[in-house]
Amino acid sequence: VDTRAFQNISSFDTAMVEQVTETARKTMDGYVKEAKEAGLENISYSVEYGAPKVIIAKDLPKELGTDLIMIGATGLNAVERLLIGSVTEYVTRTADCDVLVVRTDLDNKPALSKEQRKGFQRKD
């Protein structure tokens, strides 16, 4: 949860943070479901609080022993593209591990269709 958004709020309301956290969890649960439907296993996530670029580039990799960060090149809309782009740029410059930047088209659709992606799934 990007806590920078709460800096300019004169009366801090914990209910607002809880609502944002719940929205983040629901969003991530949807992504986990999609990933499992695509054949991925052993998926976990955490909801963290602070500046995303520092958490992604420094804090979590150190805590988890990360050797690869996969990050999107753009956000969901024009404003998020600017914000996420700056996060991605920071992560690629400062992370102590390898970083893989994943690109989509401007509508944030995958570069490959669902059928095309099936060819890249693990076959045990």
Foldseek 3Di string as FASTA:
>chain_A
DACVVVPPPPDDDVVVVVVVVVVVVVVVVVVVVVCVVLPDDDDDDDDDYYHLLCCQQPVVCVVPVDQEAEAECADQADVRRVVSNVSLVSNCPRHPHHYHYAYDPNNPDHPDDSVVCSVVDDDD
